[in-house]
Amino acid sequence: MKDKKVSESRSHTTYRVLPQDTNPAGNLHGGVLLKQLDLIAATCAMRHARKPVVTASIDRMNFLRPAYVGELINLHANVNMVGRTSMEIGVRVEAENLLTGEFRHTNSAYLTFVAMGEDGKPSPVPQIILESGEDHRRNKEALERRTVRKLELQRERESAKACKCS
């Protein structure tokens, strides 16, 4: 399996916020954004793995600023880190006011995907070739988040065993 450059998997999409996409406060509904986020992150992961992928977790979703009806949402996805069968994809979301040209960073999230083989089981993915200082920074931070995720999962499993919950 040939290693892949980070740039080979980068993905970008846009989404126009319509009235049916808003919550009672008049802002883009978080669930609508999460769906778009998952779609672009999965596209990025599939570009890297060239296999079907499943969402294993959304590690973090920061809602920094709202997006409004009529604005364009720009979603930028990047492979930050690769394990044996999993990948962390970082997504940055920016709202663009189409009338003024103003851009605002509205959200960031980290999603973990697992590549699936034809047998329906996790399948190995290519390693990444980090191309820039930004890629190296993202990779280092992703490795730190992975360590935290593993510790949290271990604690959850121990807690479930202790209370016989599953």
N, C-alpha and C. Protein backbone atom coordinates (compact mmCIF):
# COMPACT_ATOMS: atom_id res chain seq x y z
N MET A 1 0.85 -1.18 0.00
CA MET A 1 0.00 0.00 0.00
C MET A 1 0.90 1.24 0.00
N LYS A 2 0.66 2.11 -0.94
CA LYS A 2 1.49 3.30 -1.12
C LYS A 2 1.05 4.43 -0.18
N ASP A 3 2.03 5.06 0.50
CA ASP A 3 1.73 6.21 1.35
C ASP A 3 1.16 7.33 0.48
N LYS A 4 0.37 8.23 1.11
CA LYS A 4 -0.26 9.31 0.36
C LYS A 4 0.03 10.66 1.00
N LYS A 5 0.22 11.65 0.14
CA LYS A 5 0.40 13.03 0.60
C LYS A 5 -0.91 13.55 1.19
N VAL A 6 -0.80 14.40 2.18
CA VAL A 6 -1.98 15.02 2.79
C VAL A 6 -2.80 15.73 1.72
N SER A 7 -2.13 16.41 0.79
CA SER A 7 -2.84 17.18 -0.23
C SER A 7 -3.68 16.32 -1.16
N GLU A 8 -3.39 15.04 -1.26
CA GLU A 8 -4.15 14.16 -2.15
C GLU A 8 -5.56 13.88 -1.64
N SER A 9 -5.79 14.12 -0.36
CA SER A 9 -7.09 13.79 0.23
C SER A 9 -7.89 15.01 0.66
N ARG A 10 -7.26 16.18 0.67
CA ARG A 10 -7.98 17.39 1.11
C ARG A 10 -9.28 17.53 0.36
N SER A 11 -10.32 17.95 1.07
CA SER A 11 -11.64 18.09 0.47
C SER A 11 -12.27 19.40 0.91
N HIS A 12 -13.11 19.91 0.03
CA HIS A 12 -13.77 21.20 0.28
C HIS A 12 -15.18 21.11 -0.30
N THR A 13 -16.13 21.69 0.40
CA THR A 13 -17.49 21.81 -0.12
C THR A 13 -18.12 23.08 0.41
N THR A 14 -19.20 23.47 -0.23
CA THR A 14 -19.96 24.63 0.23
C THR A 14 -21.42 24.22 0.41
N TYR A 15 -22.10 24.97 1.26
CA TYR A 15 -23.51 24.71 1.54
C TYR A 15 -24.18 26.05 1.80
N ARG A 16 -25.25 26.34 1.09
CA ARG A 16 -25.97 27.58 1.28
C ARG A 16 -27.02 27.40 2.36
N VAL A 17 -27.01 28.25 3.37
CA VAL A 17 -27.97 28.17 4.48
C VAL A 17 -29.32 28.71 4.02
N LEU A 18 -30.33 27.86 4.10
CA LEU A 18 -31.69 28.22 3.71
C LEU A 18 -32.58 28.31 4.95
N PRO A 19 -33.76 28.94 4.83
CA PRO A 19 -34.62 29.11 6.01
C PRO A 19 -34.93 27.80 6.75
N GLN A 20 -35.13 26.70 6.04
CA GLN A 20 -35.45 25.43 6.70
C GLN A 20 -34.27 24.84 7.47
N ASP A 21 -33.07 25.43 7.31
CA ASP A 21 -31.86 24.94 7.99
C ASP A 21 -31.63 25.61 9.34
N THR A 22 -32.51 26.51 9.74
CA THR A 22 -32.25 27.29 10.95
C THR A 22 -33.02 26.77 12.16
N ASN A 23 -32.52 27.16 13.33
CA ASN A 23 -33.16 26.83 14.60
C ASN A 23 -34.08 27.99 15.00
N PRO A 24 -34.78 27.88 16.14
CA PRO A 24 -35.68 28.97 16.55
C PRO A 24 -34.99 30.32 16.75
N ALA A 25 -33.69 30.31 16.97
CA ALA A 25 -32.95 31.57 17.14
C ALA A 25 -32.60 32.20 15.79
N GLY A 26 -32.87 31.50 14.69
CA GLY A 26 -32.58 32.04 13.37
C GLY A 26 -31.18 31.73 12.87
N ASN A 27 -30.46 30.89 13.58
CA ASN A 27 -29.09 30.50 13.19
C ASN A 27 -29.12 29.12 12.53
N LEU A 28 -28.06 28.82 11.80
CA LEU A 28 -27.93 27.49 11.23
C LEU A 28 -28.05 26.45 12.33
N HIS A 29 -28.92 25.50 12.16
CA HIS A 29 -29.14 24.44 13.15
C HIS A 29 -27.91 23.56 13.23
N GLY A 30 -27.49 23.24 14.45
CA GLY A 30 -26.29 22.43 14.65
C GLY A 30 -26.35 21.08 13.97
N GLY A 31 -27.53 20.46 13.96
CA GLY A 31 -27.68 19.15 13.33
C GLY A 31 -27.46 19.20 11.83
N VAL A 32 -27.92 20.28 11.19
CA VAL A 32 -27.71 20.45 9.75
C VAL A 32 -26.22 20.58 9.47
N LEU A 33 -25.55 21.35 10.29
CA LEU A 33 -24.10 21.52 10.11
C LEU A 33 -23.35 20.22 10.36
N LEU A 34 -23.75 19.48 11.39
CA LEU A 34 -23.09 18.20 11.68
C LEU A 34 -23.20 17.23 10.50
N LYS A 35 -24.35 17.21 9.85
CA LYS A 35 -24.52 16.34 8.69
C LYS A 35 -23.54 16.73 7.58
N GLN A 36 -23.45 18.02 7.28
CA GLN A 36 -22.54 18.48 6.24
C GLN A 36 -21.09 18.19 6.61
N LEU A 37 -20.79 18.37 7.88
CA LEU A 37 -19.44 18.12 8.39
C LEU A 37 -19.06 16.65 8.22
N ASP A 38 -19.98 15.75 8.58
CA ASP A 38 -19.72 14.33 8.47
C ASP A 38 -19.54 13.92 7.00
N LEU A 39 -20.33 14.52 6.12
CA LEU A 39 -20.22 14.19 4.69
C LEU A 39 -18.87 14.59 4.11
N ILE A 40 -18.40 15.81 4.40
CA ILE A 40 -17.13 16.23 3.82
C ILE A 40 -15.96 15.50 4.47
N ALA A 41 -16.06 15.22 5.76
CA ALA A 41 -14.99 14.48 6.43
C ALA A 41 -14.91 13.05 5.88
N ALA A 42 -16.06 12.42 5.64
CA ALA A 42 -16.08 11.08 5.06
C ALA A 42 -15.50 11.08 3.66
N THR A 43 -15.78 12.12 2.89
CA THR A 43 -15.21 12.24 1.54
C THR A 43 -13.70 12.30 1.62
N CYS A 44 -13.18 13.10 2.53
CA CYS A 44 -11.74 13.22 2.73
C CYS A 44 -11.14 11.87 3.13
N ALA A 45 -11.78 11.18 4.06
CA ALA A 45 -11.28 9.88 4.53
C ALA A 45 -11.30 8.85 3.40
N MET A 46 -12.37 8.86 2.60
CA MET A 46 -12.45 7.90 1.49
C MET A 46 -11.42 8.22 0.41
N ARG A 47 -11.15 9.49 0.18
CA ARG A 47 -10.10 9.85 -0.77
C ARG A 47 -8.76 9.29 -0.32
N HIS A 48 -8.53 9.34 0.98
CA HIS A 48 -7.27 8.82 1.50
C HIS A 48 -7.23 7.30 1.43
N ALA A 49 -8.26 6.65 1.93
CA ALA A 49 -8.26 5.19 2.04
C ALA A 49 -8.61 4.49 0.73
N ARG A 50 -9.43 5.18 -0.11
CA ARG A 50 -9.99 4.56 -1.32
C ARG A 50 -10.76 3.29 -0.98
N LYS A 51 -11.48 3.39 0.16
CA LYS A 51 -12.32 2.32 0.66
C LYS A 51 -13.52 2.96 1.34
N PRO A 52 -14.59 2.19 1.56
CA PRO A 52 -15.69 2.72 2.37
C PRO A 52 -15.19 3.01 3.79
N VAL A 53 -15.78 4.01 4.41
CA VAL A 53 -15.40 4.37 5.78
C VAL A 53 -16.66 4.53 6.63
N VAL A 54 -16.49 4.37 7.93
CA VAL A 54 -17.57 4.63 8.88
C VAL A 54 -17.08 5.64 9.91
N THR A 55 -17.99 6.48 10.38
CA THR A 55 -17.66 7.44 11.42
C THR A 55 -17.54 6.70 12.74
N ALA A 56 -16.37 6.79 13.36
CA ALA A 56 -16.16 6.14 14.66
C ALA A 56 -16.45 7.11 15.80
N SER A 57 -16.11 8.38 15.60
CA SER A 57 -16.38 9.36 16.65
C SER A 57 -16.26 10.77 16.11
N ILE A 58 -16.94 11.66 16.79
CA ILE A 58 -16.71 13.09 16.60
C ILE A 58 -16.09 13.53 17.91
N ASP A 59 -14.79 13.77 17.84
CA ASP A 59 -14.02 14.04 19.04
C ASP A 59 -14.37 15.38 19.65
N ARG A 60 -14.61 16.35 18.80
CA ARG A 60 -14.84 17.68 19.32
C ARG A 60 -15.55 18.51 18.27
N MET A 61 -16.50 19.30 18.72
CA MET A 61 -17.19 20.23 17.83
C MET A 61 -17.30 21.54 18.56
N ASN A 62 -16.60 22.53 18.06
CA ASN A 62 -16.64 23.86 18.67
C ASN A 62 -17.55 24.77 17.85
N PHE A 63 -18.58 25.32 18.50
CA PHE A 63 -19.45 26.30 17.86
C PHE A 63 -18.95 27.68 18.30
N LEU A 64 -18.22 28.34 17.42
CA LEU A 64 -17.59 29.61 17.77
C LEU A 64 -18.48 30.81 17.46
N ARG A 65 -19.10 30.79 16.28
CA ARG A 65 -19.98 31.88 15.86
C ARG A 65 -21.13 31.29 15.05
N PRO A 66 -22.27 31.94 15.04
CA PRO A 66 -23.39 31.41 14.25
C PRO A 66 -23.23 31.71 12.76
N ALA A 67 -23.95 30.94 11.95
CA ALA A 67 -24.10 31.22 10.53
C ALA A 67 -25.57 31.52 10.30
N TYR A 68 -25.86 32.36 9.33
CA TYR A 68 -27.22 32.85 9.13
C TYR A 68 -27.78 32.50 7.76
N VAL A 69 -29.10 32.60 7.65
CA VAL A 69 -29.79 32.35 6.38
C VAL A 69 -29.15 33.19 5.28
N GLY A 70 -28.94 32.56 4.14
CA GLY A 70 -28.38 33.25 2.98
C GLY A 70 -26.87 33.18 2.89
N GLU A 71 -26.22 32.82 3.99
CA GLU A 71 -24.76 32.74 3.95
C GLU A 71 -24.32 31.42 3.34
N LEU A 72 -23.12 31.42 2.85
CA LEU A 72 -22.51 30.21 2.31
C LEU A 72 -21.60 29.64 3.38
N ILE A 73 -21.71 28.33 3.59
CA ILE A 73 -20.84 27.65 4.55
C ILE A 73 -19.76 26.94 3.75
N ASN A 74 -18.51 27.23 4.04
CA ASN A 74 -17.36 26.59 3.40
C ASN A 74 -16.76 25.61 4.38
N LEU A 75 -16.69 24.34 3.99
CA LEU A 75 -16.14 23.30 4.86
C LEU A 75 -14.86 22.77 4.25
N HIS A 76 -13.77 22.79 5.03
CA HIS A 76 -12.45 22.36 4.58
C HIS A 76 -12.02 21.17 5.43
N ALA A 77 -11.79 20.02 4.79
CA ALA A 77 -11.42 18.79 5.51
C ALA A 77 -10.00 18.38 5.17
N ASN A 78 -9.30 17.87 6.18
CA ASN A 78 -7.90 17.53 6.06
C ASN A 78 -7.60 16.27 6.88
N VAL A 79 -6.82 15.35 6.32
CA VAL A 79 -6.38 14.19 7.10
C VAL A 79 -5.28 14.68 8.04
N ASN A 80 -5.52 14.58 9.34
CA ASN A 80 -4.54 15.04 10.32
C ASN A 80 -3.60 13.94 10.78
N MET A 81 -4.14 12.71 10.89
CA MET A 81 -3.37 11.60 11.45
C MET A 81 -3.97 10.30 10.94
N VAL A 82 -3.09 9.31 10.77
CA VAL A 82 -3.53 7.99 10.31
C VAL A 82 -2.99 6.95 11.28
N GLY A 83 -3.86 6.02 11.66
CA GLY A 83 -3.45 4.85 12.43
C GLY A 83 -3.34 3.66 11.49
N ARG A 84 -3.60 2.49 11.99
CA ARG A 84 -3.54 1.30 11.12
C ARG A 84 -4.78 1.22 10.22
N THR A 85 -5.97 1.40 10.83
CA THR A 85 -7.22 1.32 10.06
C THR A 85 -8.06 2.59 10.21
N SER A 86 -7.60 3.53 11.02
CA SER A 86 -8.38 4.73 11.30
C SER A 86 -7.65 5.99 10.86
N MET A 87 -8.44 7.06 10.74
CA MET A 87 -7.91 8.36 10.34
C MET A 87 -8.63 9.44 11.12
N GLU A 88 -7.88 10.46 11.58
CA GLU A 88 -8.53 11.64 12.15
C GLU A 88 -8.61 12.68 11.04
N ILE A 89 -9.82 13.18 10.85
CA ILE A 89 -10.06 14.23 9.86
C ILE A 89 -10.44 15.50 10.60
N GLY A 90 -9.73 16.57 10.32
CA GLY A 90 -10.07 17.87 10.88
C GLY A 90 -10.91 18.65 9.88
N VAL A 91 -11.95 19.32 10.36
CA VAL A 91 -12.79 20.13 9.48
C VAL A 91 -12.88 21.54 10.05
N ARG A 92 -12.61 22.49 9.19
CA ARG A 92 -12.76 23.91 9.54
C ARG A 92 -13.94 24.44 8.74
N VAL A 93 -14.83 25.18 9.43
CA VAL A 93 -16.01 25.72 8.78
C VAL A 93 -15.94 27.24 8.83
N GLU A 94 -16.18 27.85 7.68
CA GLU A 94 -16.23 29.30 7.60
C GLU A 94 -17.55 29.71 6.95
N ALA A 95 -18.16 30.74 7.51
CA ALA A 95 -19.37 31.31 6.91
C ALA A 95 -18.93 32.47 6.02
N GLU A 96 -19.56 32.57 4.88
CA GLU A 96 -19.26 33.66 3.95
C GLU A 96 -20.53 34.45 3.70
N ASN A 97 -20.49 35.74 4.01
CA ASN A 97 -21.60 36.62 3.69
C ASN A 97 -21.46 36.96 2.21
N LEU A 98 -22.40 36.48 1.41
CA LEU A 98 -22.30 36.66 -0.04
C LEU A 98 -22.50 38.11 -0.48
N LEU A 99 -23.09 38.94 0.36
CA LEU A 99 -23.30 40.34 0.00
C LEU A 99 -22.09 41.22 0.32
N THR A 100 -21.41 40.92 1.43
CA THR A 100 -20.28 41.76 1.85
C THR A 100 -18.92 41.12 1.55
N GLY A 101 -18.91 39.80 1.34
CA GLY A 101 -17.65 39.10 1.12
C GLY A 101 -16.91 38.76 2.41
N GLU A 102 -17.53 39.04 3.56
CA GLU A 102 -16.90 38.75 4.85
C GLU A 102 -16.88 37.24 5.10
N PHE A 103 -15.75 36.76 5.62
CA PHE A 103 -15.60 35.36 6.04
C PHE A 103 -15.43 35.33 7.56
N ARG A 104 -16.09 34.34 8.22
CA ARG A 104 -15.95 34.15 9.67
C ARG A 104 -15.71 32.68 9.94
N HIS A 105 -14.71 32.39 10.77
CA HIS A 105 -14.50 31.01 11.23
C HIS A 105 -15.61 30.73 12.23
N THR A 106 -16.47 29.77 11.91
CA THR A 106 -17.62 29.50 12.77
C THR A 106 -17.48 28.22 13.58
N ASN A 107 -16.82 27.22 13.03
CA ASN A 107 -16.76 25.92 13.70
C ASN A 107 -15.48 25.18 13.34
N SER A 108 -15.11 24.28 14.24
CA SER A 108 -14.03 23.33 13.99
C SER A 108 -14.44 22.00 14.62
N ALA A 109 -14.00 20.91 14.00
CA ALA A 109 -14.32 19.59 14.55
C ALA A 109 -13.25 18.59 14.14
N TYR A 110 -13.15 17.53 14.93
CA TYR A 110 -12.25 16.42 14.64
C TYR A 110 -13.08 15.14 14.62
N LEU A 111 -13.02 14.41 13.53
CA LEU A 111 -13.78 13.18 13.38
C LEU A 111 -12.83 12.03 13.12
N THR A 112 -13.15 10.88 13.67
CA THR A 112 -12.35 9.67 13.42
C THR A 112 -13.16 8.73 12.55
N PHE A 113 -12.54 8.24 11.50
CA PHE A 113 -13.15 7.29 10.58
C PHE A 113 -12.34 6.01 10.57
N VAL A 114 -13.03 4.90 10.34
CA VAL A 114 -12.39 3.61 10.18
C VAL A 114 -12.69 3.13 8.77
N ALA A 115 -11.64 2.68 8.07
CA ALA A 115 -11.81 2.12 6.73
C ALA A 115 -12.33 0.70 6.85
N MET A 116 -13.23 0.34 5.95
CA MET A 116 -13.84 -0.98 6.00
C MET A 116 -13.46 -1.78 4.76
N GLY A 117 -13.09 -3.04 4.98
CA GLY A 117 -12.76 -3.93 3.88
C GLY A 117 -14.01 -4.57 3.31
N GLU A 118 -13.84 -5.35 2.25
CA GLU A 118 -14.96 -6.03 1.61
C GLU A 118 -15.64 -7.02 2.55
N ASP A 119 -14.90 -7.48 3.56
CA ASP A 119 -15.46 -8.43 4.53
C ASP A 119 -16.24 -7.72 5.64
N GLY A 120 -16.32 -6.38 5.57
CA GLY A 120 -17.05 -5.63 6.59
C GLY A 120 -16.27 -5.38 7.86
N LYS A 121 -14.97 -5.68 7.83
CA LYS A 121 -14.12 -5.48 9.00
C LYS A 121 -13.14 -4.34 8.74
N PRO A 122 -12.61 -3.73 9.83
CA PRO A 122 -11.62 -2.66 9.64
C PRO A 122 -10.47 -3.12 8.75
N SER A 123 -10.05 -2.20 7.89
CA SER A 123 -9.05 -2.52 6.88
C SER A 123 -7.91 -1.48 6.92
N PRO A 124 -6.67 -1.90 6.72
CA PRO A 124 -5.54 -0.97 6.75
C PRO A 124 -5.66 0.16 5.73
N VAL A 125 -5.12 1.31 6.12
CA VAL A 125 -5.12 2.48 5.24
C VAL A 125 -3.68 2.94 5.00
N PRO A 126 -3.45 3.66 3.91
CA PRO A 126 -2.11 4.18 3.64
C PRO A 126 -1.67 5.16 4.74
N GLN A 127 -0.41 5.20 5.00
CA GLN A 127 0.14 6.20 5.91
C GLN A 127 0.17 7.55 5.18
N ILE A 128 0.32 8.64 5.94
CA ILE A 128 0.33 9.95 5.30
C ILE A 128 1.74 10.49 5.20
N ILE A 129 1.93 11.27 4.17
CA ILE A 129 3.17 12.01 3.96
C ILE A 129 2.86 13.46 4.31
N LEU A 130 3.45 13.95 5.39
CA LEU A 130 3.23 15.33 5.84
C LEU A 130 4.05 16.25 4.96
N GLU A 131 3.40 17.27 4.40
CA GLU A 131 4.04 18.11 3.40
C GLU A 131 4.46 19.49 3.90
N SER A 132 3.86 19.96 4.97
CA SER A 132 4.12 21.34 5.40
C SER A 132 4.25 21.39 6.92
N GLY A 133 4.69 22.53 7.39
CA GLY A 133 4.76 22.75 8.83
C GLY A 133 3.38 22.64 9.46
N GLU A 134 2.36 23.12 8.75
CA GLU A 134 0.98 23.03 9.23
C GLU A 134 0.55 21.57 9.34
N ASP A 135 0.92 20.74 8.36
CA ASP A 135 0.61 19.30 8.42
C ASP A 135 1.26 18.66 9.64
N HIS A 136 2.51 19.02 9.91
CA HIS A 136 3.23 18.45 11.05
C HIS A 136 2.57 18.87 12.37
N ARG A 137 2.15 20.14 12.46
CA ARG A 137 1.47 20.64 13.67
C ARG A 137 0.16 19.89 13.87
N ARG A 138 -0.63 19.77 12.81
CA ARG A 138 -1.91 19.08 12.91
C ARG A 138 -1.71 17.62 13.32
N ASN A 139 -0.70 16.98 12.75
CA ASN A 139 -0.42 15.58 13.07
C ASN A 139 -0.04 15.43 14.53
N LYS A 140 0.81 16.29 15.02
CA LYS A 140 1.25 16.23 16.43
C LYS A 140 0.06 16.41 17.37
N GLU A 141 -0.79 17.38 17.09
CA GLU A 141 -1.96 17.62 17.92
C GLU A 141 -2.94 16.46 17.84
N ALA A 142 -3.08 15.85 16.66
CA ALA A 142 -3.97 14.70 16.49
C ALA A 142 -3.48 13.50 17.29
N LEU A 143 -2.18 13.29 17.33
CA LEU A 143 -1.62 12.19 18.11
C LEU A 143 -1.91 12.39 19.60
N GLU A 144 -1.83 13.64 20.06
CA GLU A 144 -2.16 13.95 21.45
C GLU A 144 -3.64 13.67 21.73
N ARG A 145 -4.53 14.07 20.81
CA ARG A 145 -5.96 13.81 20.98
C ARG A 145 -6.24 12.31 20.98
N ARG A 146 -5.51 11.57 20.16
CA ARG A 146 -5.71 10.11 20.10
C ARG A 146 -5.39 9.47 21.45
N THR A 147 -4.31 9.92 22.08
CA THR A 147 -3.94 9.40 23.40
C THR A 147 -5.06 9.66 24.40
N VAL A 148 -5.61 10.87 24.38
CA VAL A 148 -6.71 11.23 25.29
C VAL A 148 -7.94 10.38 24.99
N ARG A 149 -8.27 10.20 23.70
CA ARG A 149 -9.44 9.38 23.34
C ARG A 149 -9.30 7.96 23.86
N LYS A 150 -8.11 7.39 23.71
CA LYS A 150 -7.88 6.01 24.17
C LYS A 150 -8.06 5.90 25.68
N LEU A 151 -7.54 6.87 26.43
CA LEU A 151 -7.70 6.85 27.89
C LEU A 151 -9.16 6.99 28.29
N GLU A 152 -9.89 7.86 27.61
CA GLU A 152 -11.31 8.05 27.91
C GLU A 152 -12.10 6.79 27.61
N LEU A 153 -11.80 6.13 26.50
CA LEU A 153 -12.49 4.89 26.13
C LEU A 153 -12.21 3.80 27.15
N GLN A 154 -10.97 3.72 27.62
CA GLN A 154 -10.61 2.73 28.63
C GLN A 154 -11.39 2.98 29.92
N ARG A 155 -11.49 4.24 30.33
CA ARG A 155 -12.25 4.59 31.53
C ARG A 155 -13.73 4.24 31.37
N GLU A 156 -14.30 4.52 30.20
CA GLU A 156 -15.70 4.21 29.95
C GLU A 156 -15.95 2.70 30.04
N ARG A 157 -15.04 1.91 29.47
CA ARG A 157 -15.19 0.45 29.52
C ARG A 157 -15.10 -0.06 30.95
N GLU A 158 -14.17 0.47 31.72
CA GLU A 158 -14.02 0.07 33.13
C GLU A 158 -15.25 0.45 33.92
N SER A 159 -15.79 1.62 33.66
CA SER A 159 -16.99 2.09 34.36
C SER A 159 -18.19 1.21 34.01
N ALA A 160 -18.31 0.85 32.75
CA ALA A 160 -19.42 -0.03 32.32
C ALA A 160 -19.31 -1.40 32.97
N LYS A 161 -18.10 -1.91 33.09
CA LYS A 161 -17.90 -3.22 33.76
C LYS A 161 -18.29 -3.13 35.22
N ALA A 162 -17.89 -2.05 35.87
CA ALA A 162 -18.13 -1.88 37.30
C ALA A 162 -19.63 -1.82 37.62
N CYS A 163 -20.41 -1.19 36.74
CA CYS A 163 -21.84 -1.08 37.03
C CYS A 163 -22.64 -2.08 36.21
N LYS A 164 -21.95 -2.94 35.50
CA LYS A 164 -22.58 -3.97 34.66
C LYS A 164 -23.50 -3.34 33.63
N CYS A 165 -23.08 -2.16 33.14
CA CYS A 165 -23.83 -1.46 32.08
C CYS A 165 -23.12 -1.76 30.75
N SER A 166 -23.84 -1.74 29.68
CA SER A 166 -23.22 -1.93 28.35
C SER A 166 -23.85 -1.05 27.35
